[in-house]
N, C-alpha and C. Protein backbone atom coordinates (compact mmCIF):
# COMPACT_ATOMS: atom_id res chain seq x y z
N UNK A 1 66.57 139.83 120.39
CA UNK A 1 66.26 140.81 119.39
C UNK A 1 66.83 142.14 119.83
N UNK A 2 67.34 142.89 118.89
CA UNK A 2 67.89 144.22 119.16
C UNK A 2 67.28 145.18 118.16
N UNK A 3 66.82 146.35 118.64
CA UNK A 3 66.34 147.36 117.72
C UNK A 3 66.70 148.74 118.19
N UNK A 4 66.72 149.70 117.25
CA UNK A 4 67.10 151.06 117.62
C UNK A 4 66.15 151.63 118.66
N UNK A 5 66.69 152.41 119.58
CA UNK A 5 65.88 152.99 120.64
C UNK A 5 64.74 153.84 120.08
N UNK A 6 64.95 154.46 118.94
CA UNK A 6 63.92 155.30 118.34
C UNK A 6 62.69 154.49 117.95
N UNK A 7 62.82 153.19 117.75
CA UNK A 7 61.69 152.35 117.37
C UNK A 7 61.00 151.73 118.56
N UNK A 8 61.52 151.93 119.76
CA UNK A 8 60.93 151.35 120.97
C UNK A 8 59.75 152.20 121.41
N UNK A 9 58.68 151.55 121.77
CA UNK A 9 57.49 152.25 122.28
C UNK A 9 57.83 152.78 123.68
N UNK A 10 57.90 154.11 123.86
CA UNK A 10 58.35 154.65 125.15
C UNK A 10 57.52 154.21 126.34
N UNK A 11 56.22 154.05 126.21
CA UNK A 11 55.41 153.69 127.36
C UNK A 11 55.47 152.21 127.69
N UNK A 12 56.15 151.42 126.87
CA UNK A 12 56.25 149.99 127.12
C UNK A 12 57.29 149.67 128.19
N UNK A 13 58.22 150.57 128.40
CA UNK A 13 59.30 150.29 129.35
C UNK A 13 59.03 150.97 130.68
N UNK A 14 59.35 150.26 131.74
CA UNK A 14 59.18 150.80 133.08
C UNK A 14 60.46 151.44 133.57
N UNK A 15 60.67 151.34 134.86
CA UNK A 15 61.82 151.97 135.50
C UNK A 15 63.13 151.43 134.95
N UNK A 16 64.11 152.28 134.92
CA UNK A 16 65.44 151.91 134.47
C UNK A 16 66.29 151.57 135.69
N UNK A 17 67.01 150.47 135.60
CA UNK A 17 67.90 150.05 136.68
C UNK A 17 69.32 150.04 136.14
N UNK A 18 70.22 150.65 136.87
CA UNK A 18 71.64 150.63 136.53
C UNK A 18 72.30 149.58 137.42
N UNK A 19 73.51 149.21 137.11
CA UNK A 19 74.22 148.37 138.06
C UNK A 19 75.10 147.29 137.49
N UNK A 20 74.99 146.98 136.23
CA UNK A 20 75.84 145.94 135.64
C UNK A 20 76.83 146.60 134.70
N UNK A 21 78.08 146.20 134.78
CA UNK A 21 79.09 146.71 133.86
C UNK A 21 79.66 145.54 133.08
N UNK A 22 79.48 145.58 131.78
CA UNK A 22 80.03 144.57 130.87
C UNK A 22 81.45 144.98 130.51
N UNK A 23 82.38 144.04 130.59
CA UNK A 23 83.78 144.37 130.29
C UNK A 23 83.97 144.74 128.82
N UNK A 24 83.05 144.35 127.96
CA UNK A 24 83.16 144.67 126.53
C UNK A 24 82.42 145.94 126.15
N UNK A 25 81.25 146.17 126.76
CA UNK A 25 80.39 147.26 126.30
C UNK A 25 80.24 148.41 127.29
N UNK A 26 80.55 148.19 128.55
CA UNK A 26 80.43 149.26 129.54
C UNK A 26 79.21 149.09 130.42
N UNK A 27 78.71 150.19 130.97
CA UNK A 27 77.58 150.17 131.90
C UNK A 27 76.27 149.92 131.17
N UNK A 28 75.48 149.00 131.70
CA UNK A 28 74.18 148.67 131.12
C UNK A 28 73.05 149.35 131.89
N UNK A 29 72.00 149.69 131.17
CA UNK A 29 70.75 150.16 131.76
C UNK A 29 69.68 149.13 131.44
N UNK A 30 68.91 148.73 132.45
CA UNK A 30 67.88 147.70 132.28
C UNK A 30 66.50 148.33 132.38
N UNK A 31 65.54 147.76 131.64
CA UNK A 31 64.16 148.23 131.65
C UNK A 31 63.24 147.08 132.03
N UNK A 32 62.24 147.37 132.82
CA UNK A 32 61.17 146.42 133.08
C UNK A 32 60.03 146.75 132.12
N UNK A 33 59.37 145.73 131.61
CA UNK A 33 58.31 145.95 130.63
C UNK A 33 56.99 145.45 131.20
N UNK A 34 55.96 146.27 131.03
CA UNK A 34 54.62 145.88 131.44
C UNK A 34 53.72 145.82 130.21
N UNK A 35 52.99 144.72 130.08
CA UNK A 35 52.04 144.56 128.98
C UNK A 35 50.96 143.59 129.41
N UNK A 36 49.74 143.94 129.08
CA UNK A 36 48.59 143.09 129.37
C UNK A 36 48.55 142.63 130.83
N UNK A 37 48.89 143.55 131.73
CA UNK A 37 48.82 143.26 133.15
C UNK A 37 49.97 142.45 133.72
N UNK A 38 50.94 142.13 132.90
CA UNK A 38 52.11 141.38 133.37
C UNK A 38 53.36 142.25 133.30
N UNK A 39 54.27 141.99 134.25
CA UNK A 39 55.52 142.76 134.29
C UNK A 39 56.69 141.79 134.16
N UNK A 40 57.59 142.11 133.25
CA UNK A 40 58.83 141.34 133.07
C UNK A 40 59.98 142.25 133.49
N UNK A 41 60.62 141.91 134.62
CA UNK A 41 61.70 142.73 135.15
C UNK A 41 62.98 142.50 134.35
N UNK A 42 63.70 143.58 134.09
CA UNK A 42 64.97 143.53 133.36
C UNK A 42 64.82 142.82 132.01
N UNK A 43 63.74 143.09 131.32
CA UNK A 43 63.43 142.41 130.05
C UNK A 43 64.11 143.06 128.86
N UNK A 44 64.64 144.24 129.04
CA UNK A 44 65.33 144.93 127.95
C UNK A 44 66.52 145.67 128.54
N UNK A 45 67.54 145.87 127.74
CA UNK A 45 68.72 146.57 128.24
C UNK A 45 69.43 147.28 127.09
N UNK A 46 70.25 148.22 127.47
CA UNK A 46 71.04 148.96 126.48
C UNK A 46 72.34 149.42 127.14
N UNK A 47 73.24 149.87 126.30
CA UNK A 47 74.54 150.39 126.74
C UNK A 47 74.67 151.82 126.20
N UNK A 48 74.03 152.79 126.85
CA UNK A 48 73.96 154.14 126.30
C UNK A 48 75.25 154.94 126.36
N UNK A 49 76.26 154.47 127.09
CA UNK A 49 77.48 155.26 127.26
C UNK A 49 78.73 154.49 126.83
N UNK A 50 78.62 153.74 125.73
CA UNK A 50 79.79 152.99 125.24
C UNK A 50 80.88 153.97 124.83
N UNK A 51 82.11 153.63 125.17
CA UNK A 51 83.20 154.49 124.73
C UNK A 51 83.73 153.98 123.39
N UNK A 52 84.63 154.75 122.79
CA UNK A 52 85.16 154.41 121.46
C UNK A 52 85.86 153.06 121.45
N UNK A 53 86.55 152.71 122.53
CA UNK A 53 87.25 151.41 122.60
C UNK A 53 86.24 150.25 122.57
N UNK A 54 85.11 150.41 123.26
CA UNK A 54 84.08 149.37 123.26
C UNK A 54 83.48 149.22 121.87
N UNK A 55 83.23 150.31 121.21
CA UNK A 55 82.67 150.28 119.85
C UNK A 55 83.64 149.59 118.91
N UNK A 56 84.91 149.87 119.05
CA UNK A 56 85.93 149.23 118.20
C UNK A 56 86.01 147.73 118.49
N UNK A 57 85.89 147.32 119.77
CA UNK A 57 85.96 145.90 120.13
C UNK A 57 84.84 145.08 119.51
N UNK A 58 83.60 145.60 119.58
CA UNK A 58 82.48 144.81 119.08
C UNK A 58 82.13 145.13 117.63
N UNK A 59 82.70 146.20 117.10
CA UNK A 59 82.50 146.53 115.69
C UNK A 59 81.17 147.19 115.38
N UNK A 60 80.44 147.62 116.41
CA UNK A 60 79.14 148.26 116.22
C UNK A 60 78.95 149.34 117.28
N UNK A 61 78.46 150.50 116.85
CA UNK A 61 78.09 151.53 117.82
C UNK A 61 76.67 151.20 118.27
N UNK A 62 76.55 150.51 119.39
CA UNK A 62 75.26 150.02 119.87
C UNK A 62 74.61 150.95 120.89
N UNK A 63 75.09 152.17 121.00
CA UNK A 63 74.54 153.09 122.01
C UNK A 63 73.07 153.40 121.79
N UNK A 64 72.61 153.35 120.58
CA UNK A 64 71.22 153.70 120.27
C UNK A 64 70.32 152.47 120.14
N UNK A 65 70.78 151.29 120.57
CA UNK A 65 70.00 150.07 120.43
C UNK A 65 69.55 149.54 121.78
N UNK A 66 68.42 148.86 121.77
CA UNK A 66 67.89 148.21 122.95
C UNK A 66 67.77 146.72 122.63
N UNK A 67 68.28 145.87 123.52
CA UNK A 67 68.18 144.41 123.35
C UNK A 67 67.05 143.91 124.23
N UNK A 68 66.38 142.85 123.77
CA UNK A 68 65.25 142.29 124.50
C UNK A 68 65.50 140.84 124.88
N UNK A 69 65.04 140.46 126.05
CA UNK A 69 65.09 139.10 126.53
C UNK A 69 64.25 138.21 125.61
N UNK A 70 64.62 136.93 125.49
CA UNK A 70 63.79 136.00 124.71
C UNK A 70 62.37 135.86 125.29
N UNK A 71 62.16 136.28 126.53
CA UNK A 71 60.83 136.21 127.14
C UNK A 71 59.89 137.26 126.58
N UNK A 72 60.42 138.21 125.80
CA UNK A 72 59.63 139.31 125.27
C UNK A 72 59.34 139.08 123.80
N UNK A 73 58.09 139.24 123.43
CA UNK A 73 57.70 139.19 122.01
C UNK A 73 57.58 140.62 121.52
N UNK A 74 58.34 140.96 120.49
CA UNK A 74 58.30 142.30 119.93
C UNK A 74 57.48 142.22 118.64
N UNK A 75 56.43 143.02 118.58
CA UNK A 75 55.54 143.02 117.43
C UNK A 75 55.64 144.37 116.73
N UNK A 76 55.99 144.34 115.46
CA UNK A 76 56.10 145.57 114.68
C UNK A 76 54.70 146.14 114.43
N UNK A 77 54.61 147.45 114.51
CA UNK A 77 53.32 148.07 114.25
C UNK A 77 53.29 148.72 112.88
């Protein structure tokens, strides 16, 4: 699932980890999520610094979106 960063609950995400570079999208930022006493490490990620070439390659400006692992259930409020 992918949704705009503006729709993400800010307190749901933990520390941000940098370190992976996708050849298509650029540098990724990972978030750990804590809910109901459980922590899922690297459960969400985004590419906040995509360059114009990356946007052209994938056909979407995904800088403002956060993707979630299938291990995460996202519930709309």
